[in-house]
Amino acid sequence: MLRPLSLITLSLWACTSSAAPDISFYQASCDGCGEQRVEMGSHTFCALSYVHSGGFNSACAIGGSPKAWRLVATDPDKGETQACAAICMDLETVGGEPVAVSPRPVAAPKPAVAPAAGDFAPKVFGPYQTDFGTLSMRREGSRVTGTYTHMDGRLDGALNGYTLTGRWTQSNGEGRLVFRFNQDYSAFTGVWSYGDANPEQQWNGSR
C-alpha cells in the first residue's frame, strides 16, 4: 500500500535532534512507461522532496515500510516526463524516542532511470534513401508519421525505443511495417507486409 509522508514530519524530527541525521536522496522518472519503481532500502522515514507532473494521470508516491521503502513514478501517457525525488532520514530509537544517528557524509543522489531510447530520437527523421524511394518522418511524442516517394506512400506508427511499428498506405494498397533503427537513427532495417499479414518483406533505408 502506498503511504505518502510529509516532508514537514522529517523536518520536525531533525529539529528535535541534537545531531544531524543521516540523509539519503533518490530519484525516479517515467515518460509513458506506466510505472517506474526505485527501491530505497531501509530508513526510519522517507518523504517526497520534489514532484514534476507529467500529465493528468501522472503521480509520485512513497510506499513500503521502514524496512523496505520504495519511490514510485507513474505516467501512463506519453507527454512530459513525470519526475519524482525522495529524501530519507535514518534515526535511532533511545528510550522509545527517535534520535539522530551519528552524522555521516550525505549520500550522493541516486541517478534517475534513463529514459527509453526512443526519448532521444530526433523530431525529424531522414530523409532516408530506401527500397521504396525517399522517406521522411516526423515524431510527436511516441507517434511517428511520414511520407515516401513510391506510389504516394504514407506511414503512421509508434516508436518504442529504437523500434517503429505501424502501417503504410499507398495508392495501390496498405499494410504493416516494422523498422529497427541504429543508435544514431541514421539507418534502419525493416520489414513490411500487405494488409494484416506478418511483415516479412525487406524495407531498409539510410541517410
C-alpha atoms as a PDB file:
ATOM      1  CA  MET A   1       0.000   0.000   0.000  1.00  0.00           C
ATOM      2  CA  LEU A   2       1.407   3.398  -0.914  1.00  0.00           C
ATOM      3  CA  ARG A   3       1.764   5.726   2.072  1.00  0.00           C
ATOM      4  CA  PRO A   4       2.680   9.383   1.367  1.00  0.00           C
ATOM      5  CA  LEU A   5       4.675  11.068   4.141  1.00  0.00           C
ATOM      6  CA  SER A   6       5.102  14.776   4.733  1.00  0.00           C
ATOM      7  CA  LEU A   7       8.474  16.446   4.364  1.00  0.00           C
ATOM      8  CA  ILE A   8       7.390  18.606   7.319  1.00  0.00           C
ATOM      9  CA  THR A   9       7.431  15.487   9.517  1.00  0.00           C
ATOM     10  CA  LEU A  10      11.053  14.843   8.653  1.00  0.00           C
ATOM     11  CA  SER A  11      11.947  18.458   9.400  1.00  0.00           C
ATOM     12  CA  LEU A  12      10.327  18.285  12.849  1.00  0.00           C
ATOM     13  CA  TRP A  13      12.307  15.160  13.773  1.00  0.00           C
ATOM     14  CA  ALA A  14      15.504  16.799  12.575  1.00  0.00           C
ATOM     15  CA  CYS A  15      14.876  19.940  14.643  1.00  0.00           C
ATOM     16  CA  THR A  16      14.369  17.955  17.871  1.00  0.00           C
ATOM     17  CA  SER A  17      17.659  16.050  17.472  1.00  0.00           C
ATOM     18  CA  SER A  18      20.994  17.287  18.767  1.00  0.00           C
ATOM     19  CA  ALA A  19      22.935  15.644  15.921  1.00  0.00           C
ATOM     20  CA  ALA A  20      22.399  15.893  12.206  1.00  0.00           C
ATOM     21  CA  PRO A  21      20.509  12.877  10.820  1.00  0.00           C
ATOM     22  CA  ASP A  22      21.858  10.608   8.131  1.00  0.00           C
ATOM     23  CA  ILE A  23      20.098  11.644   4.901  1.00  0.00           C
ATOM     24  CA  SER A  24      19.806   9.903   1.538  1.00  0.00           C
ATOM     25  CA  PHE A  25      18.290  11.081  -1.739  1.00  0.00           C
ATOM     26  CA  TYR A  26      16.563   9.093  -4.503  1.00  0.00           C
ATOM     27  CA  GLN A  27      15.107   9.897  -7.937  1.00  0.00           C
ATOM     28  CA  ALA A  28      12.699   8.219 -10.354  1.00  0.00           C
ATOM     29  CA  SER A  29      11.338   9.277 -13.745  1.00  0.00           C
ATOM     30  CA  CYS A  30       8.751   7.890 -16.135  1.00  0.00           C
ATOM     31  CA  ASP A  31       7.693   9.041 -19.607  1.00  0.00           C
ATOM     32  CA  GLY A  32       4.779   6.933 -20.778  1.00  0.00           C
ATOM     33  CA  CYS A  33       6.403   3.869 -19.171  1.00  0.00           C
ATOM     34  CA  GLY A  34       3.421   3.046 -16.941  1.00  0.00           C
ATOM     35  CA  GLU A  35       5.237   2.826 -13.603  1.00  0.00           C
ATOM     36  CA  GLN A  36       8.851   3.185 -12.522  1.00  0.00           C
ATOM     37  CA  ARG A  37       9.847   1.907  -9.056  1.00  0.00           C
ATOM     38  CA  VAL A  38      13.080   2.673  -7.228  1.00  0.00           C
ATOM     39  CA  GLU A  39      13.821   0.506  -4.188  1.00  0.00           C
ATOM     40  CA  MET A  40      15.288   2.737  -1.447  1.00  0.00           C
ATOM     41  CA  GLY A  41      16.001   0.134   1.226  1.00  0.00           C
ATOM     42  CA  SER A  42      15.701   0.562   4.990  1.00  0.00           C
ATOM     43  CA  HIS A  43      15.220   4.046   6.520  1.00  0.00           C
ATOM     44  CA  THR A  44      13.404   5.453   9.549  1.00  0.00           C
ATOM     45  CA  PHE A  45      11.428   7.968   7.460  1.00  0.00           C
ATOM     46  CA  CYS A  46      11.072   8.770   3.743  1.00  0.00           C
ATOM     47  CA  ALA A  47       9.117  11.571   2.053  1.00  0.00           C
ATOM     48  CA  LEU A  48       8.723  13.160  -1.370  1.00  0.00           C
ATOM     49  CA  SER A  49      11.048  16.125  -1.847  1.00  0.00           C
ATOM     50  CA  TYR A  50      10.306  17.017  -5.493  1.00  0.00           C
ATOM     51  CA  VAL A  51       7.456  16.343  -7.936  1.00  0.00           C
ATOM     52  CA  HIS A  52       7.246  17.377 -11.588  1.00  0.00           C
ATOM     53  CA  SER A  53       3.904  16.404 -13.090  1.00  0.00           C
ATOM     54  CA  GLY A  54       3.998  14.661 -16.452  1.00  0.00           C
ATOM     55  CA  GLY A  55       0.233  14.931 -17.054  1.00  0.00           C
ATOM     56  CA  PHE A  56      -3.290  14.430 -15.765  1.00  0.00           C
ATOM     57  CA  ASN A  57      -2.865  10.748 -14.827  1.00  0.00           C
ATOM     58  CA  SER A  58       0.731  11.051 -13.577  1.00  0.00           C
ATOM     59  CA  ALA A  59       1.811  10.854  -9.942  1.00  0.00           C
ATOM     60  CA  CYS A  60       4.656  10.372  -7.458  1.00  0.00           C
ATOM     61  CA  ALA A  61       4.321   8.314  -4.293  1.00  0.00           C
ATOM     62  CA  ILE A  62       6.291   6.827  -1.409  1.00  0.00           C
ATOM     63  CA  GLY A  63       5.474   3.243  -0.452  1.00  0.00           C
ATOM     64  CA  GLY A  64       6.629   0.295   1.562  1.00  0.00           C
ATOM     65  CA  SER A  65       7.767   0.280   5.183  1.00  0.00           C
ATOM     66  CA  PRO A  66      10.791   1.358   7.268  1.00  0.00           C
ATOM     67  CA  LYS A  67      12.465  -1.923   6.288  1.00  0.00           C
ATOM     68  CA  ALA A  68      11.859  -1.584   2.554  1.00  0.00           C
ATOM     69  CA  TRP A  69      10.896   1.839   1.183  1.00  0.00           C
ATOM     70  CA  ARG A  70      10.202   2.466  -2.492  1.00  0.00           C
ATOM     71  CA  LEU A  71       9.689   5.527  -4.681  1.00  0.00           C
ATOM     72  CA  VAL A  72       7.098   5.202  -7.454  1.00  0.00           C
ATOM     73  CA  ALA A  73       6.750   7.428 -10.542  1.00  0.00           C
ATOM     74  CA  THR A  74       3.546   6.789 -12.533  1.00  0.00           C
ATOM     75  CA  ASP A  75       2.950   8.099 -16.071  1.00  0.00           C
ATOM     76  CA  PRO A  76       0.620   6.026 -18.308  1.00  0.00           C
ATOM     77  CA  ASP A  77       0.553   8.515 -21.208  1.00  0.00           C
ATOM     78  CA  LYS A  78       3.327   9.978 -23.322  1.00  0.00           C
ATOM     79  CA  GLY A  79       3.875  13.696 -22.755  1.00  0.00           C
ATOM     80  CA  GLU A  80       6.202  15.384 -20.303  1.00  0.00           C
ATOM     81  CA  THR A  81       8.324  13.176 -18.081  1.00  0.00           C
ATOM     82  CA  GLN A  82       6.931  12.505 -14.600  1.00  0.00           C
ATOM     83  CA  ALA A  83       9.892  13.212 -12.305  1.00  0.00           C
ATOM     84  CA  CYS A  84       9.973  12.316  -8.607  1.00  0.00           C
ATOM     85  CA  ALA A  85      12.554  12.705  -5.844  1.00  0.00           C
ATOM     86  CA  ALA A  86      12.578  11.465  -2.266  1.00  0.00           C
ATOM     87  CA  ILE A  87      14.572  12.234   0.873  1.00  0.00           C
ATOM     88  CA  CYS A  88      15.084   9.570   3.544  1.00  0.00           C
ATOM     89  CA  MET A  89      16.265  10.045   7.134  1.00  0.00           C
ATOM     90  CA  ASP A  90      17.873   7.477   9.430  1.00  0.00           C
ATOM     91  CA  LEU A  91      17.198   7.802  13.169  1.00  0.00           C
ATOM     92  CA  GLU A  92      17.862   5.583  16.159  1.00  0.00           C
ATOM     93  CA  THR A  93      15.403   4.954  18.996  1.00  0.00           C
ATOM     94  CA  VAL A  94      16.625   5.588  22.545  1.00  0.00           C
ATOM     95  CA  GLY A  95      14.114   5.139  25.383  1.00  0.00           C
ATOM     96  CA  GLY A  96      11.304   4.986  22.852  1.00  0.00           C
ATOM     97  CA  GLU A  97      12.224   8.368  21.322  1.00  0.00           C
ATOM     98  CA  PRO A  98      13.822   8.726  17.871  1.00  0.00           C
ATOM     99  CA  VAL A  99      17.192  10.497  17.836  1.00  0.00           C
ATOM    100  CA  ALA A 100      19.590  11.214  15.016  1.00  0.00           C
ATOM    101  CA  VAL A 101      22.376   8.758  14.381  1.00  0.00           C
ATOM    102  CA  SER A 102      25.957   9.934  14.319  1.00  0.00           C
ATOM    103  CA  PRO A 103      26.308  12.186  11.298  1.00  0.00           C
ATOM    104  CA  ARG A 104      27.855  10.733   8.172  1.00  0.00           C
ATOM    105  CA  PRO A 105      28.538  12.313   4.760  1.00  0.00           C
ATOM    106  CA  VAL A 106      25.318  12.933   2.874  1.00  0.00           C
ATOM    107  CA  ALA A 107      24.781  10.278   0.231  1.00  0.00           C
ATOM    108  CA  ALA A 108      25.006  11.409  -3.360  1.00  0.00           C
ATOM    109  CA  PRO A 109      21.667  11.483  -5.205  1.00  0.00           C
ATOM    110  CA  LYS A 110      20.765   8.245  -6.938  1.00  0.00           C
ATOM    111  CA  PRO A 111      20.773   8.750 -10.715  1.00  0.00           C
ATOM    112  CA  ALA A 112      17.378   8.896 -12.377  1.00  0.00           C
ATOM    113  CA  VAL A 113      16.426   5.940 -14.525  1.00  0.00           C
ATOM    114  CA  ALA A 114      17.493   6.636 -18.088  1.00  0.00           C
ATOM    115  CA  PRO A 115      14.578   7.285 -20.476  1.00  0.00           C
ATOM    116  CA  ALA A 116      13.841   4.751 -23.168  1.00  0.00           C
ATOM    117  CA  ALA A 117      15.996   5.060 -26.247  1.00  0.00           C
ATOM    118  CA  GLY A 118      13.102   6.489 -28.253  1.00  0.00           C
ATOM    119  CA  ASP A 119      13.051   9.551 -25.971  1.00  0.00           C
ATOM    120  CA  PHE A 120      16.338  10.632 -27.598  1.00  0.00           C
ATOM    121  CA  ALA A 121      15.000  10.176 -31.112  1.00  0.00           C
ATOM    122  CA  PRO A 122      15.029  13.242 -33.347  1.00  0.00           C
ATOM    123  CA  LYS A 123      11.866  15.167 -34.067  1.00  0.00           C
ATOM    124  CA  VAL A 124      12.556  14.865 -37.795  1.00  0.00           C
ATOM    125  CA  PHE A 125      13.884  11.636 -39.378  1.00  0.00           C
ATOM    126  CA  GLY A 126      15.691  11.453 -42.682  1.00  0.00           C
ATOM    127  CA  PRO A 127      15.420  11.892 -45.492  1.00  0.00           C
ATOM    128  CA  TYR A 128      16.326   8.226 -45.959  1.00  0.00           C
ATOM    129  CA  GLN A 129      17.069   6.537 -49.273  1.00  0.00           C
ATOM    130  CA  THR A 130      15.057   3.320 -49.029  1.00  0.00           C
ATOM    131  CA  ASP A 131      13.897   0.329 -51.041  1.00  0.00           C
ATOM    132  CA  PHE A 132      10.748   2.344 -51.813  1.00  0.00           C
ATOM    133  CA  GLY A 133      12.127   5.782 -52.620  1.00  0.00           C
ATOM    134  CA  THR A 134      12.984   8.742 -50.398  1.00  0.00           C
ATOM    135  CA  LEU A 135      11.365   8.625 -46.944  1.00  0.00           C
ATOM    136  CA  SER A 136      10.994  11.498 -44.441  1.00  0.00           C
ATOM    137  CA  MET A 137       9.391  11.155 -40.997  1.00  0.00           C
ATOM    138  CA  ARG A 138       8.388  13.373 -38.084  1.00  0.00           C
ATOM    139  CA  ARG A 139       7.915  12.432 -34.400  1.00  0.00           C
ATOM    140  CA  GLU A 140       5.405  13.859 -31.905  1.00  0.00           C
ATOM    141  CA  GLY A 141       5.875  12.053 -28.597  1.00  0.00           C
ATOM    142  CA  SER A 142       5.935   8.380 -29.486  1.00  0.00           C
ATOM    143  CA  ARG A 143       3.897   8.806 -32.696  1.00  0.00           C
ATOM    144  CA  VAL A 144       5.771   8.917 -35.994  1.00  0.00           C
ATOM    145  CA  THR A 145       4.263   9.917 -39.344  1.00  0.00           C
ATOM    146  CA  GLY A 146       5.990  10.060 -42.703  1.00  0.00           C
ATOM    147  CA  THR A 147       5.803  10.205 -46.473  1.00  0.00           C
ATOM    148  CA  TYR A 148       7.817   8.461 -49.193  1.00  0.00           C
ATOM    149  CA  THR A 149       8.014   8.899 -52.935  1.00  0.00           C
ATOM    150  CA  HIS A 150       6.910   5.424 -54.050  1.00  0.00           C
ATOM    151  CA  MET A 151       3.206   5.387 -55.043  1.00  0.00           C
ATOM    152  CA  ASP A 152       2.389   8.484 -52.890  1.00  0.00           C
ATOM    153  CA  GLY A 153       3.313   6.479 -49.816  1.00  0.00           C
ATOM    154  CA  ARG A 154       2.490   7.425 -46.211  1.00  0.00           C
ATOM    155  CA  LEU A 155       3.195   5.746 -42.893  1.00  0.00           C
ATOM    156  CA  ASP A 156       1.900   6.108 -39.346  1.00  0.00           C
ATOM    157  CA  GLY A 157       3.317   4.282 -36.331  1.00  0.00           C
ATOM    158  CA  ALA A 158       4.530   4.260 -32.731  1.00  0.00           C
ATOM    159  CA  LEU A 159       8.189   4.422 -31.696  1.00  0.00           C
ATOM    160  CA  ASN A 160       9.252   2.255 -28.752  1.00  0.00           C
ATOM    161  CA  GLY A 161      12.973   2.545 -28.103  1.00  0.00           C
ATOM    162  CA  TYR A 162      14.623   2.021 -31.494  1.00  0.00           C
ATOM    163  CA  THR A 163      11.663   0.112 -32.976  1.00  0.00           C
ATOM    164  CA  LEU A 164       8.928   1.709 -35.067  1.00  0.00           C
ATOM    165  CA  THR A 165       5.772  -0.361 -35.530  1.00  0.00           C
ATOM    166  CA  GLY A 166       2.958   0.883 -37.728  1.00  0.00           C
ATOM    167  CA  ARG A 167       1.191   0.836 -41.088  1.00  0.00           C
ATOM    168  CA  TRP A 168       1.930   2.070 -44.589  1.00  0.00           C
ATOM    169  CA  THR A 169      -0.568   3.333 -47.164  1.00  0.00           C
ATOM    170  CA  GLN A 170      -0.042   3.756 -50.927  1.00  0.00           C
ATOM    171  CA  SER A 171      -2.227   4.414 -53.926  1.00  0.00           C
ATOM    172  CA  ASN A 172      -2.199   0.661 -54.616  1.00  0.00           C
ATOM    173  CA  GLY A 173      -2.761  -0.754 -51.110  1.00  0.00           C
ATOM    174  CA  GLU A 174      -1.831  -0.714 -47.432  1.00  0.00           C
ATOM    175  CA  GLY A 175      -0.253  -2.932 -44.775  1.00  0.00           C
ATOM    176  CA  ARG A 176       2.004  -3.319 -41.753  1.00  0.00           C
ATOM    177  CA  LEU A 177       5.643  -2.317 -41.178  1.00  0.00           C
ATOM    178  CA  VAL A 178       8.363  -2.699 -38.552  1.00  0.00           C
ATOM    179  CA  PHE A 179      11.550  -0.554 -38.670  1.00  0.00           C
ATOM    180  CA  ARG A 180      14.535  -1.029 -36.323  1.00  0.00           C
ATOM    181  CA  PHE A 181      16.857   1.993 -36.188  1.00  0.00           C
ATOM    182  CA  ASN A 182      20.543   2.041 -35.326  1.00  0.00           C
ATOM    183  CA  GLN A 183      21.699   4.057 -32.309  1.00  0.00           C
ATOM    184  CA  ASP A 184      22.006   7.428 -34.067  1.00  0.00           C
ATOM    185  CA  TYR A 185      18.901   6.912 -36.233  1.00  0.00           C
ATOM    186  CA  SER A 186      20.976   7.287 -39.401  1.00  0.00           C
ATOM    187  CA  ALA A 187      19.682   3.994 -40.835  1.00  0.00           C
ATOM    188  CA  PHE A 188      17.121   1.272 -40.272  1.00  0.00           C
ATOM    189  CA  THR A 189      16.399  -2.295 -41.246  1.00  0.00           C
ATOM    190  CA  GLY A 190      12.748  -3.088 -41.761  1.00  0.00           C
ATOM    191  CA  VAL A 191      10.084  -5.442 -42.996  1.00  0.00           C
ATOM    192  CA  TRP A 192       6.596  -4.922 -44.416  1.00  0.00           C
ATOM    193  CA  SER A 193       3.504  -6.841 -45.481  1.00  0.00           C
ATOM    194  CA  TYR A 194       0.162  -6.357 -47.221  1.00  0.00           C
ATOM    195  CA  GLY A 195      -2.928  -5.981 -45.025  1.00  0.00           C
ATOM    196  CA  ASP A 196      -2.597  -7.630 -41.608  1.00  0.00           C
ATOM    197  CA  ALA A 197      -0.147 -10.337 -42.646  1.00  0.00           C
ATOM    198  CA  ASN A 198       3.054 -10.818 -40.650  1.00  0.00           C
ATOM    199  CA  PRO A 199       5.711  -8.401 -42.044  1.00  0.00           C
ATOM    200  CA  GLU A 200       8.477 -10.378 -43.765  1.00  0.00           C
ATOM    201  CA  GLN A 201       9.455  -8.454 -46.908  1.00  0.00           C
ATOM    202  CA  GLN A 202      12.530  -6.196 -46.815  1.00  0.00           C
ATOM    203  CA  TRP A 203      12.333  -2.412 -46.404  1.00  0.00           C
ATOM    204  CA  ASN A 204      15.687  -0.849 -45.471  1.00  0.00           C
ATOM    205  CA  GLY A 205      16.955   2.711 -45.558  1.00  0.00           C
ATOM    206  CA  SER A 206      19.852   5.047 -44.700  1.00  0.00           C
ATOM    207  CA  ARG A 207      20.660   8.737 -44.849  1.00  0.00           C
END
